[in-house]
Amino acid sequence: MLPLRPTDTTSAHERVYRALRTQIMHGVVTPGEALTLRGIGKQFDVSMTPAREAVRRLVAEGALSLSSSGRVTAPALSNERIEELASLRAMLEPELASRALPRAHFALIERLETINNSVSQMIARHDAIGYIRVNLEFHRTLYLRAQAPAMLAMTETVWLQLGPTMRALYGRLNRTEPPHNHKLIIAALKAGDDPSLRLAVRSDATQGLRMLKN
């Protein structure tokens, strides 16, 4: 095989980074699960260099941890870390929702209701990864209307760090229906009720996470 040109290497690194980042955010990787550069390279059909660069970026974002021996894992979060990330969600997400409220027109609300129906389908299938993916889609769809890209980027970094933990949370919750707070979020959007919207988003973002604390 011919060596990759610099542009090819950059493209491969970005592709691996984005795909692996999505997997971590959606809970495909479980807490404490070990990864290898060789395994990542094989999964995405790339050489060690783009796999290493993707891992380096994800370690910097707090999505993966790298030991002194070179072992790469998805970190199992301590109670303190869960509390810290839950607090960040409680600060960022209600503000994003509030900023989105003036732009929450009928089409957006209809889209959120459709996504919430997809959440129900994932629960019926016992699809933990699908549930996390669609649940995040519900929130991202709303927050995009806030037109606050820096704040949304910070929020997505928190989601990324929580991805494996959210997979563990799904198993503990044993859901049979969509989160009740999603209905409250939609109702608050329809009513244009900012205080109720903030409360529903804050509750949805934090209540489940705090169940994980030992």
N, C-alpha and C. Protein backbone atom coordinates (compact mmCIF):
# COMPACT_ATOMS: atom_id res chain seq x y z
N MET A 1 0.86 -1.19 0.00
CA MET A 1 0.00 0.00 0.00
C MET A 1 0.89 1.24 0.00
N LEU A 2 0.58 2.23 -0.84
CA LEU A 2 1.35 3.46 -0.89
C LEU A 2 1.11 4.27 0.37
N PRO A 3 2.14 4.97 0.87
CA PRO A 3 1.94 5.80 2.07
C PRO A 3 0.95 6.92 1.79
N LEU A 4 0.23 7.30 2.83
CA LEU A 4 -0.75 8.37 2.68
C LEU A 4 -0.02 9.70 2.47
N ARG A 5 -0.53 10.52 1.57
CA ARG A 5 -0.04 11.89 1.46
C ARG A 5 -0.48 12.68 2.68
N PRO A 6 0.16 13.82 3.01
CA PRO A 6 -0.22 14.59 4.20
C PRO A 6 -1.70 14.93 4.24
N THR A 7 -2.28 15.29 3.11
CA THR A 7 -3.70 15.61 3.11
C THR A 7 -4.54 14.38 3.41
N ASP A 8 -4.08 13.21 2.92
CA ASP A 8 -4.80 11.97 3.19
C ASP A 8 -4.73 11.64 4.67
N THR A 9 -3.56 11.86 5.28
CA THR A 9 -3.39 11.58 6.70
C THR A 9 -4.31 12.46 7.53
N THR A 10 -4.35 13.74 7.16
CA THR A 10 -5.23 14.66 7.87
C THR A 10 -6.68 14.22 7.75
N SER A 11 -7.08 13.85 6.54
CA SER A 11 -8.45 13.42 6.32
C SER A 11 -8.76 12.16 7.11
N ALA A 12 -7.85 11.20 7.13
CA ALA A 12 -8.06 9.96 7.86
C ALA A 12 -8.14 10.23 9.35
N HIS A 13 -7.27 11.09 9.86
CA HIS A 13 -7.30 11.43 11.28
C HIS A 13 -8.62 12.06 11.68
N GLU A 14 -9.10 12.98 10.84
CA GLU A 14 -10.36 13.66 11.15
C GLU A 14 -11.53 12.67 11.11
N ARG A 15 -11.50 11.78 10.13
CA ARG A 15 -12.57 10.78 10.02
C ARG A 15 -12.60 9.86 11.24
N VAL A 16 -11.44 9.39 11.66
CA VAL A 16 -11.37 8.52 12.83
C VAL A 16 -11.80 9.28 14.08
N TYR A 17 -11.33 10.50 14.21
CA TYR A 17 -11.67 11.31 15.39
C TYR A 17 -13.19 11.50 15.50
N ARG A 18 -13.81 11.89 14.41
CA ARG A 18 -15.25 12.16 14.46
C ARG A 18 -16.06 10.88 14.72
N ALA A 19 -15.66 9.79 14.08
CA ALA A 19 -16.40 8.54 14.26
C ALA A 19 -16.23 8.00 15.67
N LEU A 20 -15.01 8.04 16.19
CA LEU A 20 -14.76 7.53 17.53
C LEU A 20 -15.41 8.44 18.57
N ARG A 21 -15.37 9.72 18.32
CA ARG A 21 -16.02 10.69 19.22
C ARG A 21 -17.52 10.41 19.31
N THR A 22 -18.14 10.15 18.17
CA THR A 22 -19.57 9.85 18.15
C THR A 22 -19.86 8.56 18.91
N GLN A 23 -19.03 7.55 18.72
CA GLN A 23 -19.22 6.28 19.43
C GLN A 23 -19.15 6.48 20.94
N ILE A 24 -18.18 7.26 21.39
CA ILE A 24 -18.03 7.50 22.83
C ILE A 24 -19.23 8.28 23.35
N MET A 25 -19.65 9.31 22.65
CA MET A 25 -20.77 10.13 23.09
C MET A 25 -22.05 9.33 23.18
N HIS A 26 -22.22 8.36 22.29
CA HIS A 26 -23.46 7.56 22.26
C HIS A 26 -23.39 6.32 23.13
N GLY A 27 -22.30 6.14 23.86
CA GLY A 27 -22.21 5.03 24.80
C GLY A 27 -21.83 3.70 24.17
N VAL A 28 -21.30 3.72 22.96
CA VAL A 28 -20.82 2.47 22.36
C VAL A 28 -19.65 1.92 23.18
N VAL A 29 -18.81 2.82 23.66
CA VAL A 29 -17.68 2.45 24.52
C VAL A 29 -18.15 2.54 25.97
N THR A 30 -17.90 1.51 26.75
CA THR A 30 -18.39 1.44 28.12
C THR A 30 -17.33 1.92 29.11
N PRO A 31 -17.73 2.34 30.32
CA PRO A 31 -16.76 2.83 31.31
C PRO A 31 -15.70 1.77 31.63
N GLY A 32 -14.44 2.19 31.57
CA GLY A 32 -13.35 1.28 31.88
C GLY A 32 -12.91 0.41 30.71
N GLU A 33 -13.61 0.48 29.59
CA GLU A 33 -13.25 -0.35 28.44
C GLU A 33 -11.93 0.10 27.85
N ALA A 34 -11.05 -0.85 27.61
CA ALA A 34 -9.73 -0.54 27.06
C ALA A 34 -9.78 -0.55 25.54
N LEU A 35 -9.06 0.40 24.93
CA LEU A 35 -8.95 0.48 23.49
C LEU A 35 -7.47 0.38 23.12
N THR A 36 -7.20 -0.07 21.92
CA THR A 36 -5.82 -0.11 21.43
C THR A 36 -5.74 0.65 20.12
N LEU A 37 -4.58 1.23 19.88
CA LEU A 37 -4.39 1.93 18.61
C LEU A 37 -4.51 0.96 17.44
N ARG A 38 -4.01 -0.26 17.63
CA ARG A 38 -4.11 -1.26 16.57
C ARG A 38 -5.58 -1.60 16.29
N GLY A 39 -6.36 -1.75 17.36
CA GLY A 39 -7.78 -2.06 17.20
C GLY A 39 -8.54 -0.92 16.53
N ILE A 40 -8.22 0.32 16.93
CA ILE A 40 -8.87 1.48 16.31
C ILE A 40 -8.50 1.57 14.83
N GLY A 41 -7.24 1.35 14.55
CA GLY A 41 -6.79 1.39 13.15
C GLY A 41 -7.49 0.34 12.31
N LYS A 42 -7.63 -0.85 12.87
CA LYS A 42 -8.30 -1.93 12.14
C LYS A 42 -9.78 -1.62 11.93
N GLN A 43 -10.43 -1.08 12.97
CA GLN A 43 -11.85 -0.77 12.87
C GLN A 43 -12.14 0.24 11.76
N PHE A 44 -11.27 1.24 11.66
CA PHE A 44 -11.52 2.32 10.69
C PHE A 44 -10.63 2.23 9.46
N ASP A 45 -9.87 1.13 9.36
CA ASP A 45 -9.04 0.86 8.19
C ASP A 45 -8.06 2.01 7.92
N VAL A 46 -7.32 2.36 8.98
CA VAL A 46 -6.30 3.40 8.86
C VAL A 46 -5.01 2.91 9.52
N SER A 47 -3.93 3.64 9.29
CA SER A 47 -2.66 3.31 9.92
C SER A 47 -2.66 3.79 11.37
N MET A 48 -1.56 3.53 12.06
CA MET A 48 -1.45 3.89 13.47
C MET A 48 -1.43 5.41 13.68
N THR A 49 -0.90 6.15 12.71
CA THR A 49 -0.74 7.60 12.91
C THR A 49 -2.08 8.32 13.07
N PRO A 50 -3.04 8.17 12.16
CA PRO A 50 -4.33 8.84 12.38
C PRO A 50 -5.06 8.31 13.61
N ALA A 51 -4.91 7.02 13.91
CA ALA A 51 -5.54 6.47 15.12
C ALA A 51 -4.95 7.14 16.36
N ARG A 52 -3.63 7.31 16.37
CA ARG A 52 -2.96 7.95 17.51
C ARG A 52 -3.38 9.41 17.67
N GLU A 53 -3.48 10.12 16.55
CA GLU A 53 -3.86 11.53 16.61
C GLU A 53 -5.30 11.69 17.09
N ALA A 54 -6.19 10.80 16.65
CA ALA A 54 -7.59 10.86 17.09
C ALA A 54 -7.68 10.62 18.59
N VAL A 55 -6.94 9.63 19.08
CA VAL A 55 -6.93 9.33 20.51
C VAL A 55 -6.37 10.51 21.30
N ARG A 56 -5.30 11.10 20.78
CA ARG A 56 -4.69 12.25 21.47
C ARG A 56 -5.71 13.37 21.66
N ARG A 57 -6.49 13.66 20.64
CA ARG A 57 -7.51 14.72 20.74
C ARG A 57 -8.61 14.34 21.74
N LEU A 58 -9.00 13.09 21.74
CA LEU A 58 -10.08 12.66 22.64
C LEU A 58 -9.60 12.61 24.09
N VAL A 59 -8.34 12.32 24.30
CA VAL A 59 -7.77 12.39 25.65
C VAL A 59 -7.79 13.85 26.12
N ALA A 60 -7.43 14.77 25.25
CA ALA A 60 -7.43 16.20 25.60
C ALA A 60 -8.83 16.69 25.93
N GLU A 61 -9.86 16.09 25.33
CA GLU A 61 -11.24 16.48 25.60
C GLU A 61 -11.83 15.78 26.82
N GLY A 62 -11.07 14.88 27.42
CA GLY A 62 -11.57 14.17 28.60
C GLY A 62 -12.45 12.98 28.29
N ALA A 63 -12.51 12.60 27.00
CA ALA A 63 -13.36 11.46 26.60
C ALA A 63 -12.65 10.14 26.83
N LEU A 64 -11.34 10.14 26.75
CA LEU A 64 -10.53 8.95 26.99
C LEU A 64 -9.42 9.31 27.97
N SER A 65 -8.88 8.31 28.62
CA SER A 65 -7.73 8.53 29.50
C SER A 65 -6.57 7.68 29.01
N LEU A 66 -5.38 8.19 29.22
CA LEU A 66 -4.16 7.54 28.75
C LEU A 66 -3.23 7.35 29.95
N SER A 67 -2.91 6.09 30.27
CA SER A 67 -2.03 5.81 31.40
C SER A 67 -0.57 5.99 31.01
N SER A 68 0.31 5.99 31.99
CA SER A 68 1.73 6.14 31.73
C SER A 68 2.28 4.97 30.90
N SER A 69 1.60 3.83 30.97
CA SER A 69 2.01 2.65 30.20
C SER A 69 1.49 2.68 28.77
N GLY A 70 0.65 3.71 28.45
CA GLY A 70 0.11 3.82 27.10
C GLY A 70 -1.25 3.16 26.94
N ARG A 71 -1.85 2.71 28.03
CA ARG A 71 -3.17 2.06 27.96
C ARG A 71 -4.25 3.13 27.81
N VAL A 72 -5.12 2.95 26.82
CA VAL A 72 -6.19 3.90 26.55
C VAL A 72 -7.52 3.29 27.03
N THR A 73 -8.26 4.05 27.83
CA THR A 73 -9.55 3.57 28.33
C THR A 73 -10.57 4.70 28.31
N ALA A 74 -11.84 4.30 28.34
CA ALA A 74 -12.91 5.24 28.62
C ALA A 74 -13.03 5.33 30.13
N PRO A 75 -12.83 6.50 30.72
CA PRO A 75 -12.76 6.58 32.17
C PRO A 75 -14.08 6.24 32.85
N ALA A 76 -13.96 5.53 33.99
CA ALA A 76 -15.11 5.33 34.88
C ALA A 76 -15.14 6.53 35.81
N LEU A 77 -16.21 7.30 35.79
CA LEU A 77 -16.24 8.57 36.49
C LEU A 77 -16.49 8.40 37.99
N SER A 78 -15.79 9.19 38.77
CA SER A 78 -16.01 9.22 40.22
C SER A 78 -17.30 9.98 40.52
N ASN A 79 -17.79 9.84 41.76
CA ASN A 79 -18.97 10.60 42.18
C ASN A 79 -18.75 12.10 42.02
N GLU A 80 -17.55 12.55 42.37
CA GLU A 80 -17.25 13.97 42.27
C GLU A 80 -17.29 14.45 40.83
N ARG A 81 -16.78 13.63 39.93
CA ARG A 81 -16.78 14.00 38.52
C ARG A 81 -18.19 14.01 37.95
N ILE A 82 -19.01 13.02 38.33
CA ILE A 82 -20.40 13.00 37.89
C ILE A 82 -21.12 14.25 38.38
N GLU A 83 -20.90 14.63 39.61
CA GLU A 83 -21.55 15.82 40.17
C GLU A 83 -21.09 17.08 39.44
N GLU A 84 -19.80 17.14 39.13
CA GLU A 84 -19.28 18.30 38.41
C GLU A 84 -19.91 18.42 37.02
N LEU A 85 -19.97 17.32 36.30
CA LEU A 85 -20.53 17.35 34.95
C LEU A 85 -22.04 17.60 34.98
N ALA A 86 -22.73 17.06 35.99
CA ALA A 86 -24.16 17.34 36.14
C ALA A 86 -24.38 18.82 36.40
N SER A 87 -23.51 19.43 37.19
CA SER A 87 -23.62 20.86 37.47
C SER A 87 -23.39 21.69 36.22
N LEU A 88 -22.45 21.26 35.39
CA LEU A 88 -22.22 21.96 34.14
C LEU A 88 -23.44 21.88 33.22
N ARG A 89 -24.05 20.70 33.15
CA ARG A 89 -25.26 20.57 32.35
C ARG A 89 -26.36 21.48 32.90
N ALA A 90 -26.45 21.55 34.23
CA ALA A 90 -27.49 22.37 34.87
C ALA A 90 -27.30 23.85 34.59
N MET A 91 -26.06 24.27 34.36
CA MET A 91 -25.79 25.68 34.04
C MET A 91 -25.98 25.97 32.56
N LEU A 92 -25.45 25.10 31.72
CA LEU A 92 -25.41 25.38 30.29
C LEU A 92 -26.73 25.14 29.57
N GLU A 93 -27.36 24.00 29.85
CA GLU A 93 -28.50 23.59 29.02
C GLU A 93 -29.76 24.43 29.25
N PRO A 94 -30.09 24.80 30.50
CA PRO A 94 -31.24 25.70 30.64
C PRO A 94 -31.03 27.03 29.93
N GLU A 95 -29.79 27.53 29.93
CA GLU A 95 -29.50 28.79 29.24
C GLU A 95 -29.66 28.63 27.73
N LEU A 96 -29.18 27.52 27.18
CA LEU A 96 -29.36 27.27 25.75
C LEU A 96 -30.84 27.18 25.40
N ALA A 97 -31.60 26.46 26.21
CA ALA A 97 -33.03 26.32 25.94
C ALA A 97 -33.73 27.67 26.01
N SER A 98 -33.36 28.48 26.99
CA SER A 98 -33.97 29.80 27.14
C SER A 98 -33.68 30.68 25.93
N ARG A 99 -32.45 30.61 25.44
CA ARG A 99 -32.09 31.40 24.26
C ARG A 99 -32.79 30.89 23.00
N ALA A 100 -33.12 29.60 22.99
CA ALA A 100 -33.83 29.03 21.85
C ALA A 100 -35.32 29.37 21.86
N LEU A 101 -35.85 29.67 23.01
CA LEU A 101 -37.31 29.84 23.16
C LEU A 101 -37.90 30.86 22.19
N PRO A 102 -37.30 32.04 21.99
CA PRO A 102 -37.91 33.00 21.05
C PRO A 102 -37.97 32.49 19.62
N ARG A 103 -37.18 31.47 19.30
CA ARG A 103 -37.16 30.91 17.93
C ARG A 103 -37.83 29.55 17.88
N ALA A 104 -38.54 29.19 18.93
CA ALA A 104 -39.18 27.87 19.00
C ALA A 104 -40.54 27.92 18.29
N HIS A 105 -40.50 27.93 16.99
CA HIS A 105 -41.72 28.00 16.20
C HIS A 105 -42.32 26.60 16.06
N PHE A 106 -43.48 26.55 15.43
CA PHE A 106 -44.25 25.30 15.35
C PHE A 106 -43.43 24.16 14.74
N ALA A 107 -42.66 24.46 13.71
CA ALA A 107 -41.90 23.41 13.03
C ALA A 107 -40.89 22.76 13.98
N LEU A 108 -40.26 23.56 14.83
CA LEU A 108 -39.30 23.02 15.79
C LEU A 108 -40.01 22.12 16.79
N ILE A 109 -41.12 22.59 17.32
CA ILE A 109 -41.85 21.80 18.31
C ILE A 109 -42.33 20.49 17.70
N GLU A 110 -42.80 20.55 16.48
CA GLU A 110 -43.23 19.34 15.78
C GLU A 110 -42.06 18.37 15.61
N ARG A 111 -40.89 18.92 15.28
CA ARG A 111 -39.70 18.08 15.13
C ARG A 111 -39.31 17.43 16.45
N LEU A 112 -39.40 18.16 17.54
CA LEU A 112 -39.07 17.60 18.86
C LEU A 112 -40.05 16.49 19.24
N GLU A 113 -41.31 16.66 18.90
CA GLU A 113 -42.29 15.61 19.18
C GLU A 113 -41.98 14.35 18.37
N THR A 114 -41.55 14.53 17.13
CA THR A 114 -41.18 13.38 16.30
C THR A 114 -39.97 12.65 16.88
N ILE A 115 -38.97 13.41 17.29
CA ILE A 115 -37.79 12.81 17.90
C ILE A 115 -38.16 12.07 19.17
N ASN A 116 -39.04 12.66 19.96
CA ASN A 116 -39.45 12.01 21.21
C ASN A 116 -40.17 10.69 20.94
N ASN A 117 -40.89 10.62 19.83
CA ASN A 117 -41.50 9.34 19.45
C ASN A 117 -40.42 8.31 19.11
N SER A 118 -39.33 8.77 18.52
CA SER A 118 -38.21 7.87 18.23
C SER A 118 -37.57 7.37 19.52
N VAL A 119 -37.54 8.21 20.53
CA VAL A 119 -37.05 7.78 21.85
C VAL A 119 -37.88 6.60 22.34
N SER A 120 -39.19 6.70 22.19
CA SER A 120 -40.08 5.60 22.60
C SER A 120 -39.75 4.32 21.85
N GLN A 121 -39.46 4.44 20.57
CA GLN A 121 -39.13 3.25 19.76
C GLN A 121 -37.84 2.60 20.25
N MET A 122 -36.86 3.39 20.59
CA MET A 122 -35.59 2.84 21.09
C MET A 122 -35.79 2.13 22.43
N ILE A 123 -36.64 2.69 23.26
CA ILE A 123 -36.93 2.06 24.55
C ILE A 123 -37.63 0.73 24.32
N ALA A 124 -38.58 0.70 23.40
CA ALA A 124 -39.29 -0.54 23.11
C ALA A 124 -38.35 -1.62 22.59
N ARG A 125 -37.30 -1.22 21.88
CA ARG A 125 -36.33 -2.17 21.35
C ARG A 125 -35.23 -2.52 22.35
N HIS A 126 -35.24 -1.85 23.50
CA HIS A 126 -34.16 -2.02 24.49
C HIS A 126 -32.81 -1.69 23.87
N ASP A 127 -32.80 -0.65 23.06
CA ASP A 127 -31.60 -0.22 22.34
C ASP A 127 -30.97 0.95 23.10
N ALA A 128 -30.01 0.64 23.97
CA ALA A 128 -29.40 1.66 24.82
C ALA A 128 -28.66 2.71 24.00
N ILE A 129 -27.89 2.27 23.02
CA ILE A 129 -27.11 3.20 22.21
C ILE A 129 -28.04 4.08 21.38
N GLY A 130 -29.07 3.48 20.79
CA GLY A 130 -30.05 4.25 20.03
C GLY A 130 -30.78 5.25 20.91
N TYR A 131 -31.07 4.85 22.14
CA TYR A 131 -31.75 5.76 23.08
C TYR A 131 -30.88 6.98 23.35
N ILE A 132 -29.61 6.75 23.66
CA ILE A 132 -28.71 7.87 23.96
C ILE A 132 -28.59 8.79 22.75
N ARG A 133 -28.43 8.19 21.56
CA ARG A 133 -28.28 8.97 20.33
C ARG A 133 -29.49 9.86 20.09
N VAL A 134 -30.69 9.28 20.19
CA VAL A 134 -31.90 10.05 19.90
C VAL A 134 -32.19 11.05 21.01
N ASN A 135 -31.88 10.70 22.23
CA ASN A 135 -32.06 11.63 23.35
C ASN A 135 -31.19 12.88 23.16
N LEU A 136 -29.93 12.67 22.76
CA LEU A 136 -29.06 13.81 22.50
C LEU A 136 -29.54 14.61 21.29
N GLU A 137 -30.10 13.92 20.29
CA GLU A 137 -30.65 14.62 19.13
C GLU A 137 -31.79 15.55 19.56
N PHE A 138 -32.61 15.10 20.49
CA PHE A 138 -33.71 15.93 21.01
C PHE A 138 -33.15 17.24 21.57
N HIS A 139 -32.14 17.11 22.42
CA HIS A 139 -31.57 18.31 23.05
C HIS A 139 -30.83 19.18 22.04
N ARG A 140 -30.03 18.56 21.17
CA ARG A 140 -29.25 19.34 20.20
C ARG A 140 -30.17 20.10 19.25
N THR A 141 -31.26 19.48 18.82
CA THR A 141 -32.21 20.13 17.92
C THR A 141 -32.76 21.41 18.54
N LEU A 142 -33.07 21.34 19.82
CA LEU A 142 -33.55 22.53 20.53
C LEU A 142 -32.43 23.56 20.69
N TYR A 143 -31.27 23.12 21.13
CA TYR A 143 -30.20 24.06 21.46
C TYR A 143 -29.61 24.76 20.24
N LEU A 144 -29.70 24.13 19.08
CA LEU A 144 -29.21 24.78 17.87
C LEU A 144 -29.94 26.10 17.61
N ARG A 145 -31.19 26.18 18.05
CA ARG A 145 -31.96 27.40 17.85
C ARG A 145 -31.49 28.53 18.76
N ALA A 146 -30.65 28.22 19.73
CA ALA A 146 -30.14 29.26 20.62
C ALA A 146 -29.15 30.18 19.91
N GLN A 147 -28.58 29.70 18.81
CA GLN A 147 -27.56 30.45 18.07
C GLN A 147 -26.43 30.89 19.00
N ALA A 148 -25.95 29.91 19.79
CA ALA A 148 -24.86 30.14 20.73
C ALA A 148 -23.84 29.01 20.55
N PRO A 149 -23.06 29.05 19.46
CA PRO A 149 -22.21 27.92 19.11
C PRO A 149 -21.14 27.59 20.15
N ALA A 150 -20.58 28.59 20.81
CA ALA A 150 -19.56 28.31 21.82
C ALA A 150 -20.16 27.57 23.01
N MET A 151 -21.34 27.99 23.42
CA MET A 151 -22.01 27.34 24.54
C MET A 151 -22.42 25.92 24.18
N LEU A 152 -22.88 25.73 22.95
CA LEU A 152 -23.27 24.39 22.51
C LEU A 152 -22.05 23.49 22.42
N ALA A 153 -20.93 24.02 21.96
CA ALA A 153 -19.70 23.21 21.88
C ALA A 153 -19.27 22.76 23.26
N MET A 154 -19.38 23.63 24.25
CA MET A 154 -19.05 23.26 25.63
C MET A 154 -19.98 22.15 26.12
N THR A 155 -21.25 22.29 25.80
CA THR A 155 -22.24 21.29 26.21
C THR A 155 -21.94 19.94 25.58
N GLU A 156 -21.58 19.94 24.31
CA GLU A 156 -21.28 18.68 23.63
C GLU A 156 -20.03 18.02 24.20
N THR A 157 -19.08 18.82 24.68
CA THR A 157 -17.90 18.25 25.34
C THR A 157 -18.30 17.55 26.64
N VAL A 158 -19.25 18.12 27.35
CA VAL A 158 -19.77 17.48 28.57
C VAL A 158 -20.47 16.17 28.20
N TRP A 159 -21.29 16.20 27.15
CA TRP A 159 -21.96 14.97 26.70
C TRP A 159 -20.93 13.91 26.34
N LEU A 160 -19.86 14.34 25.69
CA LEU A 160 -18.82 13.40 25.28
C LEU A 160 -18.20 12.72 26.49
N GLN A 161 -17.87 13.49 27.50
CA GLN A 161 -17.26 12.92 28.70
C GLN A 161 -18.22 11.99 29.45
N LEU A 162 -19.51 12.24 29.28
CA LEU A 162 -20.53 11.44 29.98
C LEU A 162 -21.00 10.23 29.18
N GLY A 163 -20.60 10.11 27.90
CA GLY A 163 -21.17 9.07 27.04
C GLY A 163 -21.15 7.67 27.62
N PRO A 164 -19.97 7.15 28.01
CA PRO A 164 -19.94 5.81 28.59
C PRO A 164 -20.78 5.69 29.86
N THR A 165 -20.77 6.74 30.67
CA THR A 165 -21.56 6.73 31.91
C THR A 165 -23.05 6.72 31.62
N MET A 166 -23.46 7.42 30.55
CA MET A 166 -24.87 7.41 30.17
C MET A 166 -25.32 6.01 29.78
N ARG A 167 -24.42 5.24 29.20
CA ARG A 167 -24.75 3.85 28.87
C ARG A 167 -25.04 3.06 30.15
N ALA A 168 -24.23 3.28 31.18
CA ALA A 168 -24.46 2.61 32.46
C ALA A 168 -25.76 3.09 33.10
N LEU A 169 -26.05 4.38 32.95
CA LEU A 169 -27.27 4.94 33.52
C LEU A 169 -28.50 4.34 32.88
N TYR A 170 -28.47 4.15 31.55
CA TYR A 170 -29.62 3.59 30.86
C TYR A 170 -30.00 2.24 31.47
N GLY A 171 -29.01 1.40 31.74
CA GLY A 171 -29.29 0.09 32.33
C GLY A 171 -29.92 0.19 33.70
N ARG A 172 -29.52 1.19 34.46
CA ARG A 172 -30.06 1.34 35.80
C ARG A 172 -31.47 1.90 35.80
N LEU A 173 -31.76 2.80 34.85
CA LEU A 173 -33.08 3.43 34.82
C LEU A 173 -34.18 2.45 34.42
N ASN A 174 -33.85 1.49 33.54
CA ASN A 174 -34.83 0.52 33.08
C ASN A 174 -36.10 1.21 32.57
N ARG A 175 -35.93 2.13 31.65
CA ARG A 175 -37.05 2.94 31.17
C ARG A 175 -38.08 2.10 30.40
N THR A 176 -39.33 2.51 30.51
CA THR A 176 -40.41 1.91 29.73
C THR A 176 -41.12 2.96 28.87
N GLU A 177 -40.78 4.24 29.08
CA GLU A 177 -41.37 5.32 28.29
C GLU A 177 -40.39 6.48 28.24
N PRO A 178 -40.59 7.44 27.31
CA PRO A 178 -39.66 8.56 27.20
C PRO A 178 -39.57 9.35 28.50
N PRO A 179 -38.48 10.07 28.72
CA PRO A 179 -38.34 10.88 29.93
C PRO A 179 -39.51 11.84 30.09
N HIS A 180 -40.08 11.89 31.27
CA HIS A 180 -41.22 12.76 31.53
C HIS A 180 -40.87 14.23 31.26
N ASN A 181 -39.62 14.59 31.55
CA ASN A 181 -39.24 15.99 31.36
C ASN A 181 -39.25 16.42 29.90
N HIS A 182 -39.13 15.47 28.97
CA HIS A 182 -39.24 15.85 27.56
C HIS A 182 -40.63 16.42 27.27
N LYS A 183 -41.63 15.80 27.84
CA LYS A 183 -43.00 16.31 27.65
C LYS A 183 -43.15 17.70 28.27
N LEU A 184 -42.50 17.90 29.42
CA LEU A 184 -42.57 19.21 30.07
C LEU A 184 -41.82 20.26 29.25
N ILE A 185 -40.72 19.88 28.64
CA ILE A 185 -39.97 20.79 27.78
C ILE A 185 -40.84 21.22 26.60
N ILE A 186 -41.48 20.26 25.96
CA ILE A 186 -42.33 20.57 24.80
C ILE A 186 -43.51 21.45 25.22
N ALA A 187 -44.11 21.14 26.36
CA ALA A 187 -45.24 21.94 26.85
C ALA A 187 -44.81 23.37 27.14
N ALA A 188 -43.64 23.54 27.75
CA ALA A 188 -43.14 24.88 28.06
C ALA A 188 -42.84 25.67 26.79
N LEU A 189 -42.32 24.99 25.78
CA LEU A 189 -42.07 25.66 24.50
C LEU A 189 -43.38 26.13 23.87
N LYS A 190 -44.38 25.28 23.90
CA LYS A 190 -45.68 25.65 23.33
C LYS A 190 -46.28 26.84 24.06
N ALA A 191 -46.06 26.90 25.38
CA ALA A 191 -46.64 27.98 26.18
C ALA A 191 -45.76 29.22 26.21
N GLY A 192 -44.54 29.11 25.71
CA GLY A 192 -43.62 30.24 25.80
C GLY A 192 -43.23 30.55 27.22
N ASP A 193 -43.16 29.52 28.05
CA ASP A 193 -42.94 29.66 29.50
C ASP A 193 -41.47 29.42 29.82
N ASP A 194 -40.70 30.49 29.94
CA ASP A 194 -39.26 30.36 30.15
C ASP A 194 -38.90 29.71 31.50
N PRO A 195 -39.51 30.13 32.63
CA PRO A 195 -39.13 29.48 33.90
C PRO A 195 -39.41 27.98 33.90
N SER A 196 -40.54 27.57 33.35
CA SER A 196 -40.87 26.13 33.30
C SER A 196 -39.93 25.39 32.37
N LEU A 197 -39.54 26.04 31.28
CA LEU A 197 -38.61 25.43 30.34
C LEU A 197 -37.26 25.21 31.01
N ARG A 198 -36.76 26.21 31.69
CA ARG A 198 -35.47 26.09 32.38
C ARG A 198 -35.52 24.96 33.41
N LEU A 199 -36.60 24.89 34.16
CA LEU A 199 -36.72 23.86 35.20
C LEU A 199 -36.76 22.47 34.59
N ALA A 200 -37.54 22.31 33.52
CA ALA A 200 -37.67 20.99 32.89
C ALA A 200 -36.34 20.53 32.29
N VAL A 201 -35.62 21.44 31.65
CA VAL A 201 -34.33 21.09 31.05
C VAL A 201 -33.33 20.75 32.15
N ARG A 202 -33.29 21.56 33.20
CA ARG A 202 -32.35 21.29 34.30
C ARG A 202 -32.64 19.93 34.93
N SER A 203 -33.90 19.63 35.16
CA SER A 203 -34.27 18.34 35.77
C SER A 203 -33.90 17.18 34.86
N ASP A 204 -34.17 17.34 33.57
CA ASP A 204 -33.87 16.27 32.62
C ASP A 204 -32.38 16.01 32.53
N ALA A 205 -31.59 17.08 32.64
CA ALA A 205 -30.14 16.95 32.47
C ALA A 205 -29.45 16.36 33.69
N THR A 206 -30.06 16.49 34.87
CA THR A 206 -29.32 16.15 36.09
C THR A 206 -29.91 15.02 36.93
N GLN A 207 -31.21 14.82 36.88
CA GLN A 207 -31.82 13.86 37.80
C GLN A 207 -31.25 12.45 37.61
N GLY A 208 -31.19 12.00 36.38
CA GLY A 208 -30.69 10.65 36.13
C GLY A 208 -29.25 10.48 36.54
N LEU A 209 -28.41 11.47 36.19
CA LEU A 209 -26.98 11.36 36.49
C LEU A 209 -26.74 11.18 37.99
N ARG A 210 -27.49 11.86 38.80
CA ARG A 210 -27.24 11.80 40.24
C ARG A 210 -27.65 10.45 40.83
N MET A 211 -28.43 9.68 40.06
CA MET A 211 -28.73 8.31 40.49
C MET A 211 -27.50 7.40 40.43
N LEU A 212 -26.50 7.80 39.63
CA LEU A 212 -25.32 6.97 39.44
C LEU A 212 -24.31 7.08 40.58
N LYS A 213 -24.48 8.10 41.39
CA LYS A 213 -23.52 8.29 42.49
C LYS A 213 -23.64 7.17 43.51
N ASN A 214 -22.51 6.63 43.91
CA ASN A 214 -22.50 5.52 44.87
C ASN A 214 -22.80 5.99 46.28
